[in-house]
């Protein structure tokens, strides 16, 4: 296979990898009924006048499946962190004991679980759309290479390779979505 075709396929794989990573980030911030430090990834804290991600001003851990513990690196940051969590509107009620902020994660209702599963499927479909877009762009580039002198056989082989890669990434998305769905529906 010539190197221009390989470059097109590699570029498509790279875009598909980005779609998978984006999906994992989006699903990581969804609450599945058990505590996960990534639930706070969107929280920005006022750190001496700068908006800073919470994980850059504190250690975040999960001492048990229903609790998130946040230990600021500086004691003076307890109040701004607590305020940032409340202002992030995540539905959490932080409890501050002067050294550590604890967040109890309430159990999900059945209705909320079903809503989250729909959201997971929607995110999965968005990732698949991104993958199909990468496939289309790769196939367009292959057709352009064919006009520029690539043989018809090589063009067909390259298009088949792009489709195989697309199918592999589609299966990865299905697995990720299925795993997250099981995680949410597990009580």
Protein backbone atom coordinates (compact mmCIF):
# COMPACT_ATOMS: atom_id res chain seq x y z
CA UNK A 1 0.00 0.00 0.00
CA UNK A 2 1.44 3.38 -0.87
CA UNK A 3 2.31 5.81 1.85
CA UNK A 4 -0.25 8.48 0.88
CA UNK A 5 -3.04 5.95 1.37
CA UNK A 6 -1.53 4.84 4.68
CA UNK A 7 -1.38 8.48 5.76
CA UNK A 8 -5.10 8.91 4.98
CA UNK A 9 -5.99 5.79 6.98
CA UNK A 10 -3.78 6.86 9.91
CA UNK A 11 -5.40 10.32 9.93
CA UNK A 12 -8.85 8.68 10.00
CA UNK A 13 -7.75 6.43 12.91
CA UNK A 14 -6.49 9.47 14.78
CA UNK A 15 -9.84 11.25 14.39
CA UNK A 16 -11.66 8.10 15.49
CA UNK A 17 -9.41 7.82 18.55
CA UNK A 18 -10.32 11.39 19.44
CA UNK A 19 -14.02 10.52 19.15
CA UNK A 20 -13.54 7.57 21.54
CA UNK A 21 -11.59 9.73 24.02
CA UNK A 22 -14.29 12.41 23.90
CA UNK A 23 -16.95 9.77 24.53
CA UNK A 24 -15.03 8.44 27.54
CA UNK A 25 -14.68 11.95 28.99
CA UNK A 26 -18.37 12.68 28.50
CA UNK A 27 -19.44 9.36 30.04
CA UNK A 28 -16.96 9.76 32.89
CA UNK A 29 -18.73 12.88 34.09
CA UNK A 30 -22.10 11.07 34.21
CA UNK A 31 -23.10 9.97 37.66
CA UNK A 32 -23.68 6.22 37.80
CA UNK A 33 -24.81 5.98 41.42
CA UNK A 34 -21.35 5.46 42.83
CA UNK A 35 -18.70 8.01 43.68
CA UNK A 36 -16.11 8.83 41.04
CA UNK A 37 -13.56 11.66 41.28
CA UNK A 38 -14.16 12.44 37.59
CA UNK A 39 -17.64 13.68 38.53
CA UNK A 40 -15.94 16.89 39.64
CA UNK A 41 -13.86 17.39 36.47
CA UNK A 42 -16.04 20.32 35.36
CA UNK A 43 -15.70 22.18 38.68
CA UNK A 44 -13.51 25.29 38.48
CA UNK A 45 -12.20 26.89 41.69
CA UNK A 46 -11.24 30.53 42.17
CA UNK A 47 -7.56 30.06 43.03
CA UNK A 48 -6.06 33.49 43.77
CA UNK A 49 -8.09 35.12 41.03
CA UNK A 50 -7.68 32.37 38.42
CA UNK A 51 -10.29 29.77 37.51
CA UNK A 52 -8.49 26.46 38.12
CA UNK A 53 -9.74 22.85 37.83
CA UNK A 54 -10.50 21.42 41.25
CA UNK A 55 -8.06 18.54 40.78
CA UNK A 56 -5.21 21.08 40.56
CA UNK A 57 -5.89 22.53 44.03
CA UNK A 58 -6.87 19.41 45.98
CA UNK A 59 -6.59 15.65 46.25
CA UNK A 60 -9.86 13.97 45.28
CA UNK A 61 -10.58 10.41 46.37
CA UNK A 62 -13.38 7.97 47.04
CA UNK A 63 -13.03 6.39 50.50
CA UNK A 64 -16.17 4.33 49.81
CA UNK A 65 -18.59 3.87 46.87
CA UNK A 66 -20.99 6.56 48.11
CA UNK A 67 -18.54 9.30 49.17
CA UNK A 68 -16.11 11.67 47.48
CA UNK A 69 -13.44 13.19 49.75
CA UNK A 70 -11.67 16.39 48.73
CA UNK A 71 -8.58 17.43 50.63
CA UNK A 72 -7.28 20.87 49.61
CA UNK A 73 -3.53 21.33 49.44
CA UNK A 74 -3.99 24.65 51.25
CA UNK A 75 -6.43 24.96 54.16
CA UNK A 76 -7.46 28.42 52.95
CA UNK A 77 -8.93 26.77 49.83
CA UNK A 78 -11.69 24.87 51.69
CA UNK A 79 -14.26 27.68 51.38
CA UNK A 80 -13.59 28.46 47.66
CA UNK A 81 -13.73 24.73 46.81
CA UNK A 82 -16.99 24.27 48.69
CA UNK A 83 -18.47 27.36 46.98
CA UNK A 84 -17.28 26.12 43.55
CA UNK A 85 -18.94 22.72 44.05
CA UNK A 86 -22.23 24.38 45.01
CA UNK A 87 -22.00 26.86 42.10
CA UNK A 88 -21.25 24.05 39.63
CA UNK A 89 -24.87 22.98 40.13
CA UNK A 90 -24.09 19.25 40.14
CA UNK A 91 -26.73 18.52 42.77
CA UNK A 92 -24.16 17.79 45.50
CA UNK A 93 -24.23 19.09 49.06
CA UNK A 94 -20.61 19.33 50.24
CA UNK A 95 -19.91 18.90 53.96
CA UNK A 96 -16.86 20.65 55.36
CA UNK A 97 -15.17 19.55 58.60
CA UNK A 98 -12.38 22.14 58.43
CA UNK A 99 -9.83 19.86 56.77
CA UNK A 100 -11.71 17.70 54.28
CA UNK A 101 -14.82 18.27 52.19
CA UNK A 102 -17.04 15.21 51.87
CA UNK A 103 -19.77 14.72 49.32
CA UNK A 104 -22.31 11.93 49.80
CA UNK A 105 -23.60 10.63 46.50
CA UNK A 106 -27.32 9.91 46.74
CA UNK A 107 -28.70 6.72 45.19
CA UNK A 108 -30.25 7.12 41.76
CA UNK A 109 -33.97 6.60 41.22
CA UNK A 110 -35.11 4.19 38.53
CA UNK A 111 -36.44 7.08 36.45
CA UNK A 112 -33.11 8.94 36.70
CA UNK A 113 -31.23 5.77 35.71
CA UNK A 114 -33.33 5.44 32.55
CA UNK A 115 -32.72 9.11 31.71
CA UNK A 116 -28.98 8.61 32.16
CA UNK A 117 -29.03 5.52 29.93
CA UNK A 118 -30.73 7.58 27.19
CA UNK A 119 -28.02 10.21 27.61
CA UNK A 120 -25.32 7.51 27.36
CA UNK A 121 -26.84 6.20 24.12
CA UNK A 122 -27.05 9.75 22.77
CA UNK A 123 -23.34 10.32 23.52
CA UNK A 124 -22.53 6.98 21.89
CA UNK A 125 -24.45 7.96 18.76
CA UNK A 126 -22.60 11.29 18.62
CA UNK A 127 -19.30 9.42 18.75
CA UNK A 128 -20.47 7.13 15.93
CA UNK A 129 -21.39 10.18 13.84
CA UNK A 130 -17.84 11.51 14.37
CA UNK A 131 -16.41 8.17 13.28
CA UNK A 132 -18.59 8.06 10.18
CA UNK A 133 -17.51 11.61 9.37
CA UNK A 134 -13.86 10.56 9.61
CA UNK A 135 -14.63 7.59 7.31
CA UNK A 136 -16.31 9.87 4.76
CA UNK A 137 -13.38 12.30 4.76
CA UNK A 138 -10.89 9.43 4.36
CA UNK A 139 -12.87 7.96 1.46
CA UNK A 140 -13.06 11.40 -0.19
CA UNK A 141 -9.29 11.74 0.11
CA UNK A 142 -8.82 8.25 -1.37
CA UNK A 143 -11.04 9.20 -4.34
CA UNK A 144 -8.94 12.31 -4.82
CA UNK A 145 -5.77 10.17 -4.77
CA UNK A 146 -7.39 7.92 -7.39
CA UNK A 147 -7.94 10.97 -9.62
CA UNK A 148 -4.28 11.87 -9.04
CA UNK A 149 -3.05 8.47 -10.27
CA UNK A 150 -3.84 5.83 -7.63
CA UNK A 151 -4.93 2.57 -9.27
CA UNK A 152 -8.56 1.48 -8.98
CA UNK A 153 -7.59 -1.72 -7.14
CA UNK A 154 -5.53 0.18 -4.58
CA UNK A 155 -8.38 2.65 -4.13
CA UNK A 156 -10.87 -0.18 -3.50
CA UNK A 157 -8.49 -1.90 -1.05
CA UNK A 158 -7.93 1.38 0.79
CA UNK A 159 -11.69 2.04 1.03
CA UNK A 160 -12.19 -1.49 2.38
CA UNK A 161 -9.44 -0.88 4.98
CA UNK A 162 -11.11 2.36 6.06
CA UNK A 163 -14.41 0.50 6.45
CA UNK A 164 -12.72 -2.21 8.57
CA UNK A 165 -11.24 0.46 10.85
CA UNK A 166 -14.63 2.17 11.06
CA UNK A 167 -16.29 -1.11 12.05
CA UNK A 168 -13.66 -1.73 14.76
CA UNK A 169 -14.21 1.71 16.27
CA UNK A 170 -17.98 1.27 16.08
CA UNK A 171 -17.63 -1.95 18.10
CA UNK A 172 -15.44 -0.13 20.66
CA UNK A 173 -18.14 2.51 21.08
CA UNK A 174 -20.81 -0.16 21.51
CA UNK A 175 -18.72 -1.84 24.24
CA UNK A 176 -18.10 1.45 26.07
CA UNK A 177 -21.81 2.37 25.94
CA UNK A 178 -22.88 -1.10 27.07
CA UNK A 179 -20.44 -1.05 29.99
CA UNK A 180 -21.64 2.38 31.12
CA UNK A 181 -25.28 1.33 30.76
CA UNK A 182 -24.68 -1.73 32.94
CA UNK A 183 -22.86 0.45 35.45
CA UNK A 184 -25.79 2.87 35.66
CA UNK A 185 -28.46 0.19 35.91
CA UNK A 186 -26.59 -1.72 38.62
CA UNK A 187 -28.06 -0.94 42.02
